[in-house]
Amino acid sequence: MKTLLLTILLLFSSTSFADSDKESEGKELHDESCIRCHTSSMYTRDNKKDSYAALRQQVSFCSQNFRTGWFPEEEKSVVDYLNKHYYKFK
């Protein structure tokens, strides 16, 4: 029983750390590359992106045009960071 409980606790804690790592990666990549052109007001303006798909497309567009060298997983971490902190799409 103790082993099962310990296994469950480890699974939940590793998931939490993985999510935290992805979020910090998204923030770090955003802060390195996106802040050169965007302030946080860009994400809160009236005509901001209206869907998660549109946000993802915009991040990909910027990544390609500004040659960030991001892999798709890195783009997704930036999208997820922006979504969590600014857009809040489901």
PDB file of N, CA and C in Angstrom:
ATOM      1  N   MET A   1       0.815  -1.190   0.000  1.00  0.00           N
ATOM      2  CA  MET A   1       0.000   0.000   0.000  1.00  0.00           C
ATOM      3  C   MET A   1       0.864   1.263   0.000  1.00  0.00           C
ATOM      4  N   LYS A   2       1.913   1.268   0.818  1.00  0.00           N
ATOM      5  CA  LYS A   2       2.814   2.418   0.863  1.00  0.00           C
ATOM      6  C   LYS A   2       3.479   2.631  -0.495  1.00  0.00           C
ATOM      7  N   THR A   3       3.838   1.535  -1.148  1.00  0.00           N
ATOM      8  CA  THR A   3       4.487   1.633  -2.457  1.00  0.00           C
ATOM      9  C   THR A   3       3.545   2.265  -3.469  1.00  0.00           C
ATOM     10  N   LEU A   4       2.292   1.862  -3.472  1.00  0.00           N
ATOM     11  CA  LEU A   4       1.303   2.427  -4.386  1.00  0.00           C
ATOM     12  C   LEU A   4       1.116   3.912  -4.127  1.00  0.00           C
ATOM     13  N   LEU A   5       0.995   4.286  -2.884  1.00  0.00           N
ATOM     14  CA  LEU A   5       0.836   5.690  -2.525  1.00  0.00           C
ATOM     15  C   LEU A   5       2.057   6.499  -2.938  1.00  0.00           C
ATOM     16  N   LEU A   6       3.218   5.988  -2.689  1.00  0.00           N
ATOM     17  CA  LEU A   6       4.449   6.669  -3.071  1.00  0.00           C
ATOM     18  C   LEU A   6       4.546   6.817  -4.590  1.00  0.00           C
ATOM     19  N   THR A   7       4.183   5.787  -5.319  1.00  0.00           N
ATOM     20  CA  THR A   7       4.201   5.836  -6.783  1.00  0.00           C
ATOM     21  C   THR A   7       3.251   6.914  -7.299  1.00  0.00           C
ATOM     22  N   ILE A   8       2.061   6.971  -6.726  1.00  0.00           N
ATOM     23  CA  ILE A   8       1.080   7.983  -7.132  1.00  0.00           C
ATOM     24  C   ILE A   8       1.602   9.385  -6.833  1.00  0.00           C
ATOM     25  N   LEU A   9       2.174   9.577  -5.680  1.00  0.00           N
ATOM     26  CA  LEU A   9       2.733  10.886  -5.326  1.00  0.00           C
ATOM     27  C   LEU A   9       3.855  11.289  -6.273  1.00  0.00           C
ATOM     28  N   LEU A  10       4.703  10.356  -6.623  1.00  0.00           N
ATOM     29  CA  LEU A  10       5.796  10.648  -7.546  1.00  0.00           C
ATOM     30  C   LEU A  10       5.278  11.004  -8.927  1.00  0.00           C
ATOM     31  N   LEU A  11       4.260  10.319  -9.387  1.00  0.00           N
ATOM     32  CA  LEU A  11       3.676  10.630 -10.691  1.00  0.00           C
ATOM     33  C   LEU A  11       3.101  12.032 -10.715  1.00  0.00           C
ATOM     34  N   PHE A  12       2.347  12.393  -9.691  1.00  0.00           N
ATOM     35  CA  PHE A  12       1.777  13.729  -9.647  1.00  0.00           C
ATOM     36  C   PHE A  12       2.847  14.803  -9.516  1.00  0.00           C
ATOM     37  N   SER A  13       3.849  14.573  -8.738  1.00  0.00           N
ATOM     38  CA  SER A  13       4.887  15.583  -8.567  1.00  0.00           C
ATOM     39  C   SER A  13       5.714  15.736  -9.829  1.00  0.00           C
ATOM     40  N   SER A  14       5.991  14.662 -10.558  1.00  0.00           N
ATOM     41  CA  SER A  14       6.771  14.784 -11.786  1.00  0.00           C
ATOM     42  C   SER A  14       5.969  15.481 -12.863  1.00  0.00           C
ATOM     43  N   THR A  15       4.650  15.269 -12.909  1.00  0.00           N
ATOM     44  CA  THR A  15       3.802  15.978 -13.856  1.00  0.00           C
ATOM     45  C   THR A  15       3.814  17.464 -13.552  1.00  0.00           C
ATOM     46  N   SER A  16       3.741  17.803 -12.292  1.00  0.00           N
ATOM     47  CA  SER A  16       3.759  19.198 -11.887  1.00  0.00           C
ATOM     48  C   SER A  16       5.079  19.860 -12.268  1.00  0.00           C
ATOM     49  N   PHE A  17       6.189  19.177 -12.036  1.00  0.00           N
ATOM     50  CA  PHE A  17       7.491  19.721 -12.409  1.00  0.00           C
ATOM     51  C   PHE A  17       7.606  19.858 -13.919  1.00  0.00           C
ATOM     52  N   ALA A  18       7.108  18.898 -14.668  1.00  0.00           N
ATOM     53  CA  ALA A  18       7.173  18.965 -16.127  1.00  0.00           C
ATOM     54  C   ALA A  18       6.382  20.164 -16.628  1.00  0.00           C
ATOM     55  N   ASP A  19       5.185  20.390 -16.089  1.00  0.00           N
ATOM     56  CA  ASP A  19       4.387  21.542 -16.481  1.00  0.00           C
ATOM     57  C   ASP A  19       5.097  22.834 -16.120  1.00  0.00           C
ATOM     58  N   SER A  20       5.702  22.857 -14.953  1.00  0.00           N
ATOM     59  CA  SER A  20       6.431  24.029 -14.500  1.00  0.00           C
ATOM     60  C   SER A  20       7.625  24.306 -15.405  1.00  0.00           C
ATOM     61  N   ASP A  21       8.338  23.249 -15.810  1.00  0.00           N
ATOM     62  CA  ASP A  21       9.480  23.406 -16.707  1.00  0.00           C
ATOM     63  C   ASP A  21       9.048  23.964 -18.048  1.00  0.00           C
ATOM     64  N   LYS A  22       7.924  23.464 -18.584  1.00  0.00           N
ATOM     65  CA  LYS A  22       7.425  23.952 -19.871  1.00  0.00           C
ATOM     66  C   LYS A  22       7.025  25.412 -19.773  1.00  0.00           C
ATOM     67  N   GLU A  23       6.382  25.773 -18.665  1.00  0.00           N
ATOM     68  CA  GLU A  23       5.978  27.164 -18.495  1.00  0.00           C
ATOM     69  C   GLU A  23       7.191  28.079 -18.384  1.00  0.00           C
ATOM     70  N   SER A  24       8.186  27.659 -17.611  1.00  0.00           N
ATOM     71  CA  SER A  24       9.373  28.506 -17.477  1.00  0.00           C
ATOM     72  C   SER A  24      10.130  28.570 -18.805  1.00  0.00           C
ATOM     73  N   GLU A  25      10.125  27.480 -19.577  1.00  0.00           N
ATOM     74  CA  GLU A  25      10.750  27.515 -20.907  1.00  0.00           C
ATOM     75  C   GLU A  25      10.011  28.504 -21.800  1.00  0.00           C
ATOM     76  N   GLY A  26       8.678  28.461 -21.774  1.00  0.00           N
ATOM     77  CA  GLY A  26       7.884  29.382 -22.585  1.00  0.00           C
ATOM     78  C   GLY A  26       8.149  30.830 -22.214  1.00  0.00           C
ATOM     79  N   LYS A  27       8.206  31.104 -20.931  1.00  0.00           N
ATOM     80  CA  LYS A  27       8.487  32.472 -20.471  1.00  0.00           C
ATOM     81  C   LYS A  27       9.884  32.906 -20.890  1.00  0.00           C
ATOM     82  N   GLU A  28      10.850  32.023 -20.713  1.00  0.00           N
ATOM     83  CA  GLU A  28      12.231  32.353 -21.068  1.00  0.00           C
ATOM     84  C   GLU A  28      12.353  32.642 -22.565  1.00  0.00           C
ATOM     85  N   LEU A  29      11.789  31.787 -23.402  1.00  0.00           N
ATOM     86  CA  LEU A  29      11.841  32.006 -24.849  1.00  0.00           C
ATOM     87  C   LEU A  29      11.126  33.292 -25.229  1.00  0.00           C
ATOM     88  N   HIS A  30       9.976  33.524 -24.632  1.00  0.00           N
ATOM     89  CA  HIS A  30       9.225  34.756 -24.879  1.00  0.00           C
ATOM     90  C   HIS A  30      10.059  35.973 -24.504  1.00  0.00           C
ATOM     91  N   ASP A  31      10.647  35.935 -23.310  1.00  0.00           N
ATOM     92  CA  ASP A  31      11.415  37.082 -22.834  1.00  0.00           C
ATOM     93  C   ASP A  31      12.659  37.332 -23.686  1.00  0.00           C
ATOM     94  N   GLU A  32      13.247  36.286 -24.231  1.00  0.00           N
ATOM     95  CA  GLU A  32      14.420  36.434 -25.101  1.00  0.00           C
ATOM     96  C   GLU A  32      14.077  37.034 -26.448  1.00  0.00           C
ATOM     97  N   SER A  33      12.943  36.621 -27.003  1.00  0.00           N
ATOM     98  CA  SER A  33      12.668  36.942 -28.402  1.00  0.00           C
ATOM     99  C   SER A  33      11.496  37.887 -28.624  1.00  0.00           C
ATOM    100  N   CYS A  34      10.430  37.720 -27.919  1.00  0.00           N
ATOM    101  CA  CYS A  34       9.196  38.446 -28.226  1.00  0.00           C
ATOM    102  C   CYS A  34       9.189  39.874 -27.687  1.00  0.00           C
ATOM    103  N   ILE A  35       9.861  40.083 -26.562  1.00  0.00           N
ATOM    104  CA  ILE A  35       9.836  41.404 -25.938  1.00  0.00           C
ATOM    105  C   ILE A  35      10.551  42.459 -26.797  1.00  0.00           C
ATOM    106  N   ARG A  36      11.378  42.008 -27.719  1.00  0.00           N
ATOM    107  CA  ARG A  36      12.022  42.978 -28.615  1.00  0.00           C
ATOM    108  C   ARG A  36      10.989  43.786 -29.391  1.00  0.00           C
ATOM    109  N   CYS A  37       9.864  43.153 -29.732  1.00  0.00           N
ATOM    110  CA  CYS A  37       8.823  43.821 -30.522  1.00  0.00           C
ATOM    111  C   CYS A  37       7.544  44.086 -29.735  1.00  0.00           C
ATOM    112  N   HIS A  38       7.262  43.261 -28.730  1.00  0.00           N
ATOM    113  CA  HIS A  38       5.978  43.325 -28.039  1.00  0.00           C
ATOM    114  C   HIS A  38       6.134  43.653 -26.563  1.00  0.00           C
ATOM    115  N   THR A  39       5.243  44.518 -26.092  1.00  0.00           N
ATOM    116  CA  THR A  39       5.082  44.702 -24.652  1.00  0.00           C
ATOM    117  C   THR A  39       3.832  43.927 -24.262  1.00  0.00           C
ATOM    118  N   SER A  40       3.560  43.786 -22.990  1.00  0.00           N
ATOM    119  CA  SER A  40       2.378  43.035 -22.571  1.00  0.00           C
ATOM    120  C   SER A  40       1.090  43.672 -23.076  1.00  0.00           C
ATOM    121  N   SER A  41       1.107  44.959 -23.403  1.00  0.00           N
ATOM    122  CA  SER A  41      -0.104  45.604 -23.930  1.00  0.00           C
ATOM    123  C   SER A  41      -0.512  45.006 -25.279  1.00  0.00           C
ATOM    124  N   MET A  42       0.436  44.407 -25.978  1.00  0.00           N
ATOM    125  CA  MET A  42       0.129  43.736 -27.250  1.00  0.00           C
ATOM    126  C   MET A  42      -0.857  42.593 -27.030  1.00  0.00           C
ATOM    127  N   TYR A  43      -0.762  41.939 -25.896  1.00  0.00           N
ATOM    128  CA  TYR A  43      -1.584  40.764 -25.623  1.00  0.00           C
ATOM    129  C   TYR A  43      -2.922  41.114 -24.983  1.00  0.00           C
ATOM    130  N   THR A  44      -3.095  42.365 -24.575  1.00  0.00           N
ATOM    131  CA  THR A  44      -4.331  42.754 -23.905  1.00  0.00           C
ATOM    132  C   THR A  44      -5.123  43.797 -24.694  1.00  0.00           C
ATOM    133  N   ARG A  45      -4.687  44.123 -25.892  1.00  0.00           N
ATOM    134  CA  ARG A  45      -5.377  45.141 -26.693  1.00  0.00           C
ATOM    135  C   ARG A  45      -6.744  44.623 -27.150  1.00  0.00           C
ATOM    136  N   ASP A  46      -7.573  45.524 -27.645  1.00  0.00           N
ATOM    137  CA  ASP A  46      -8.937  45.166 -28.041  1.00  0.00           C
ATOM    138  C   ASP A  46      -8.976  44.169 -29.204  1.00  0.00           C
ATOM    139  N   ASN A  47      -8.099  44.298 -30.170  1.00  0.00           N
ATOM    140  CA  ASN A  47      -8.126  43.411 -31.339  1.00  0.00           C
ATOM    141  C   ASN A  47      -7.078  42.306 -31.245  1.00  0.00           C
ATOM    142  N   LYS A  48      -6.931  41.745 -30.059  1.00  0.00           N
ATOM    143  CA  LYS A  48      -5.971  40.664 -29.858  1.00  0.00           C
ATOM    144  C   LYS A  48      -6.473  39.376 -30.523  1.00  0.00           C
ATOM    145  N   LYS A  49      -5.652  38.357 -30.556  1.00  0.00           N
ATOM    146  CA  LYS A  49      -6.018  37.064 -31.144  1.00  0.00           C
ATOM    147  C   LYS A  49      -7.282  36.529 -30.475  1.00  0.00           C
ATOM    148  N   ASP A  50      -8.112  35.853 -31.264  1.00  0.00           N
ATOM    149  CA  ASP A  50      -9.400  35.418 -30.739  1.00  0.00           C
ATOM    150  C   ASP A  50      -9.546  33.906 -30.567  1.00  0.00           C
ATOM    151  N   SER A  51      -8.471  33.165 -30.782  1.00  0.00           N
ATOM    152  CA  SER A  51      -8.533  31.717 -30.558  1.00  0.00           C
ATOM    153  C   SER A  51      -7.130  31.178 -30.302  1.00  0.00           C
ATOM    154  N   TYR A  52      -7.094  30.008 -29.692  1.00  0.00           N
ATOM    155  CA  TYR A  52      -5.809  29.346 -29.434  1.00  0.00           C
ATOM    156  C   TYR A  52      -5.095  29.057 -30.752  1.00  0.00           C
ATOM    157  N   ALA A  53      -5.854  28.614 -31.759  1.00  0.00           N
ATOM    158  CA  ALA A  53      -5.263  28.302 -33.072  1.00  0.00           C
ATOM    159  C   ALA A  53      -4.653  29.550 -33.708  1.00  0.00           C
ATOM    160  N   ALA A  54      -5.342  30.687 -33.597  1.00  0.00           N
ATOM    161  CA  ALA A  54      -4.818  31.930 -34.161  1.00  0.00           C
ATOM    162  C   ALA A  54      -3.552  32.367 -33.424  1.00  0.00           C
ATOM    163  N   LEU A  55      -3.547  32.195 -32.118  1.00  0.00           N
ATOM    164  CA  LEU A  55      -2.359  32.529 -31.326  1.00  0.00           C
ATOM    165  C   LEU A  55      -1.192  31.647 -31.729  1.00  0.00           C
ATOM    166  N   ARG A  56      -1.448  30.362 -31.864  1.00  0.00           N
ATOM    167  CA  ARG A  56      -0.393  29.421 -32.257  1.00  0.00           C
ATOM    168  C   ARG A  56       0.154  29.765 -33.641  1.00  0.00           C
ATOM    169  N   GLN A  57      -0.735  30.112 -34.563  1.00  0.00           N
ATOM    170  CA  GLN A  57      -0.319  30.500 -35.910  1.00  0.00           C
ATOM    171  C   GLN A  57       0.547  31.760 -35.874  1.00  0.00           C
ATOM    172  N   GLN A  58       0.179  32.722 -35.045  1.00  0.00           N
ATOM    173  CA  GLN A  58       0.959  33.967 -34.953  1.00  0.00           C
ATOM    174  C   GLN A  58       2.349  33.717 -34.370  1.00  0.00           C
ATOM    175  N   VAL A  59       2.421  32.909 -33.333  1.00  0.00           N
ATOM    176  CA  VAL A  59       3.728  32.599 -32.736  1.00  0.00           C
ATOM    177  C   VAL A  59       4.608  31.883 -33.754  1.00  0.00           C
ATOM    178  N   SER A  60       4.044  30.958 -34.501  1.00  0.00           N
ATOM    179  CA  SER A  60       4.792  30.240 -35.530  1.00  0.00           C
ATOM    180  C   SER A  60       5.270  31.206 -36.615  1.00  0.00           C
ATOM    181  N   PHE A  61       4.394  32.111 -37.030  1.00  0.00           N
ATOM    182  CA  PHE A  61       4.741  33.112 -38.038  1.00  0.00           C
ATOM    183  C   PHE A  61       5.920  33.967 -37.566  1.00  0.00           C
ATOM    184  N   CYS A  62       5.829  34.462 -36.352  1.00  0.00           N
ATOM    185  CA  CYS A  62       6.914  35.290 -35.810  1.00  0.00           C
ATOM    186  C   CYS A  62       8.203  34.484 -35.680  1.00  0.00           C
ATOM    187  N   SER A  63       8.087  33.258 -35.216  1.00  0.00           N
ATOM    188  CA  SER A  63       9.260  32.408 -35.050  1.00  0.00           C
ATOM    189  C   SER A  63       9.989  32.201 -36.376  1.00  0.00           C
ATOM    190  N   GLN A  64       9.226  31.949 -37.423  1.00  0.00           N
ATOM    191  CA  GLN A  64       9.836  31.728 -38.740  1.00  0.00           C
ATOM    192  C   GLN A  64      10.419  33.014 -39.311  1.00  0.00           C
ATOM    193  N   ASN A  65       9.668  34.104 -39.238  1.00  0.00           N
ATOM    194  CA  ASN A  65      10.114  35.354 -39.843  1.00  0.00           C
ATOM    195  C   ASN A  65      11.279  36.004 -39.116  1.00  0.00           C
ATOM    196  N   PHE A  66      11.370  35.785 -37.827  1.00  0.00           N
ATOM    197  CA  PHE A  66      12.474  36.357 -37.064  1.00  0.00           C
ATOM    198  C   PHE A  66      13.562  35.339 -36.769  1.00  0.00           C
ATOM    199  N   ARG A  67      13.429  34.165 -37.407  1.00  0.00           N
ATOM    200  CA  ARG A  67      14.435  33.103 -37.334  1.00  0.00           C
ATOM    201  C   ARG A  67      14.899  32.823 -35.902  1.00  0.00           C
ATOM    202  N   THR A  68      13.938  32.525 -35.052  1.00  0.00           N
ATOM    203  CA  THR A  68      14.267  32.219 -33.668  1.00  0.00           C
ATOM    204  C   THR A  68      14.969  30.873 -33.538  1.00  0.00           C
ATOM    205  N   GLY A  69      14.718  29.984 -34.493  1.00  0.00           N
ATOM    206  CA  GLY A  69      15.297  28.645 -34.422  1.00  0.00           C
ATOM    207  C   GLY A  69      14.551  27.728 -33.473  1.00  0.00           C
ATOM    208  N   TRP A  70      13.329  28.120 -33.085  1.00  0.00           N
ATOM    209  CA  TRP A  70      12.552  27.315 -32.160  1.00  0.00           C
ATOM    210  C   TRP A  70      12.047  26.042 -32.828  1.00  0.00           C
ATOM    211  N   PHE A  71      12.041  24.982 -32.081  1.00  0.00           N
ATOM    212  CA  PHE A  71      11.409  23.739 -32.494  1.00  0.00           C
ATOM    213  C   PHE A  71       9.906  23.874 -32.224  1.00  0.00           C
ATOM    214  N   PRO A  72       9.081  23.025 -32.851  1.00  0.00           N
ATOM    215  CA  PRO A  72       7.627  23.108 -32.611  1.00  0.00           C
ATOM    216  C   PRO A  72       7.250  23.020 -31.130  1.00  0.00           C
ATOM    217  N   GLU A  73       7.958  22.209 -30.351  1.00  0.00           N
ATOM    218  CA  GLU A  73       7.651  22.102 -28.920  1.00  0.00           C
ATOM    219  C   GLU A  73       7.937  23.419 -28.205  1.00  0.00           C
ATOM    220  N   GLU A  74       8.978  24.123 -28.657  1.00  0.00           N
ATOM    221  CA  GLU A  74       9.312  25.413 -28.041  1.00  0.00           C
ATOM    222  C   GLU A  74       8.262  26.463 -28.401  1.00  0.00           C
ATOM    223  N   GLU A  75       7.816  26.453 -29.657  1.00  0.00           N
ATOM    224  CA  GLU A  75       6.742  27.359 -30.052  1.00  0.00           C
ATOM    225  C   GLU A  75       5.515  27.104 -29.185  1.00  0.00           C
ATOM    226  N   LYS A  76       5.185  25.830 -28.993  1.00  0.00           N
ATOM    227  CA  LYS A  76       4.022  25.478 -28.186  1.00  0.00           C
ATOM    228  C   LYS A  76       4.187  25.955 -26.746  1.00  0.00           C
ATOM    229  N   SER A  77       5.385  25.870 -26.207  1.00  0.00           N
ATOM    230  CA  SER A  77       5.585  26.334 -24.829  1.00  0.00           C
ATOM    231  C   SER A  77       5.378  27.849 -24.732  1.00  0.00           C
ATOM    232  N   VAL A  78       5.755  28.595 -25.764  1.00  0.00           N
ATOM    233  CA  VAL A  78       5.512  30.042 -25.779  1.00  0.00           C
ATOM    234  C   VAL A  78       4.015  30.312 -25.890  1.00  0.00           C
ATOM    235  N   VAL A  79       3.345  29.589 -26.788  1.00  0.00           N
ATOM    236  CA  VAL A  79       1.891  29.740 -26.934  1.00  0.00           C
ATOM    237  C   VAL A  79       1.198  29.436 -25.610  1.00  0.00           C
ATOM    238  N   ASP A  80       1.582  28.356 -24.972  1.00  0.00           N
ATOM    239  CA  ASP A  80       0.957  27.978 -23.697  1.00  0.00           C
ATOM    240  C   ASP A  80       1.231  29.018 -22.615  1.00  0.00           C
ATOM    241  N   TYR A  81       2.429  29.566 -22.592  1.00  0.00           N
ATOM    242  CA  TYR A  81       2.757  30.627 -21.630  1.00  0.00           C
ATOM    243  C   TYR A  81       1.862  31.851 -21.872  1.00  0.00           C
ATOM    244  N   LEU A  82       1.780  32.288 -23.128  1.00  0.00           N
ATOM    245  CA  LEU A  82       0.956  33.455 -23.455  1.00  0.00           C
ATOM    246  C   LEU A  82      -0.517  33.190 -23.137  1.00  0.00           C
ATOM    247  N   ASN A  83      -0.960  31.995 -23.468  1.00  0.00           N
ATOM    248  CA  ASN A  83      -2.356  31.660 -23.219  1.00  0.00           C
ATOM    249  C   ASN A  83      -2.666  31.668 -21.724  1.00  0.00           C
ATOM    250  N   LYS A  84      -1.806  31.099 -20.940  1.00  0.00           N
ATOM    251  CA  LYS A  84      -2.046  31.035 -19.497  1.00  0.00           C
ATOM    252  C   LYS A  84      -2.050  32.412 -18.856  1.00  0.00           C
ATOM    253  N   HIS A  85      -1.157  33.285 -19.301  1.00  0.00           N
ATOM    254  CA  HIS A  85      -0.989  34.578 -18.632  1.00  0.00           C
ATOM    255  C   HIS A  85      -1.785  35.730 -19.239  1.00  0.00           C
ATOM    256  N   TYR A  86      -2.187  35.585 -20.509  1.00  0.00           N
ATOM    257  CA  TYR A  86      -2.866  36.696 -21.160  1.00  0.00           C
ATOM    258  C   TYR A  86      -4.202  36.325 -21.811  1.00  0.00           C
ATOM    259  N   TYR A  87      -4.206  35.300 -22.628  1.00  0.00           N
ATOM    260  CA  TYR A  87      -5.374  35.023 -23.466  1.00  0.00           C
ATOM    261  C   TYR A  87      -6.437  34.172 -22.786  1.00  0.00           C
ATOM    262  N   LYS A  88      -6.036  33.142 -22.116  1.00  0.00           N
ATOM    263  CA  LYS A  88      -6.943  32.246 -21.375  1.00  0.00           C
ATOM    264  C   LYS A  88      -7.970  31.535 -22.262  1.00  0.00           C
ATOM    265  N   PHE A  89      -7.524  31.077 -23.446  1.00  0.00           N
ATOM    266  CA  PHE A  89      -8.387  30.252 -24.287  1.00  0.00           C
ATOM    267  C   PHE A  89      -8.495  28.861 -23.660  1.00  0.00           C
ATOM    268  N   LYS A  90      -9.607  28.172 -23.944  1.00  0.00           N
ATOM    269  CA  LYS A  90      -9.797  26.822 -23.418  1.00  0.00           C
ATOM    270  C   LYS A  90      -9.096  25.813 -24.274  1.00  0.00           C
TER     271      LYS A  90
END
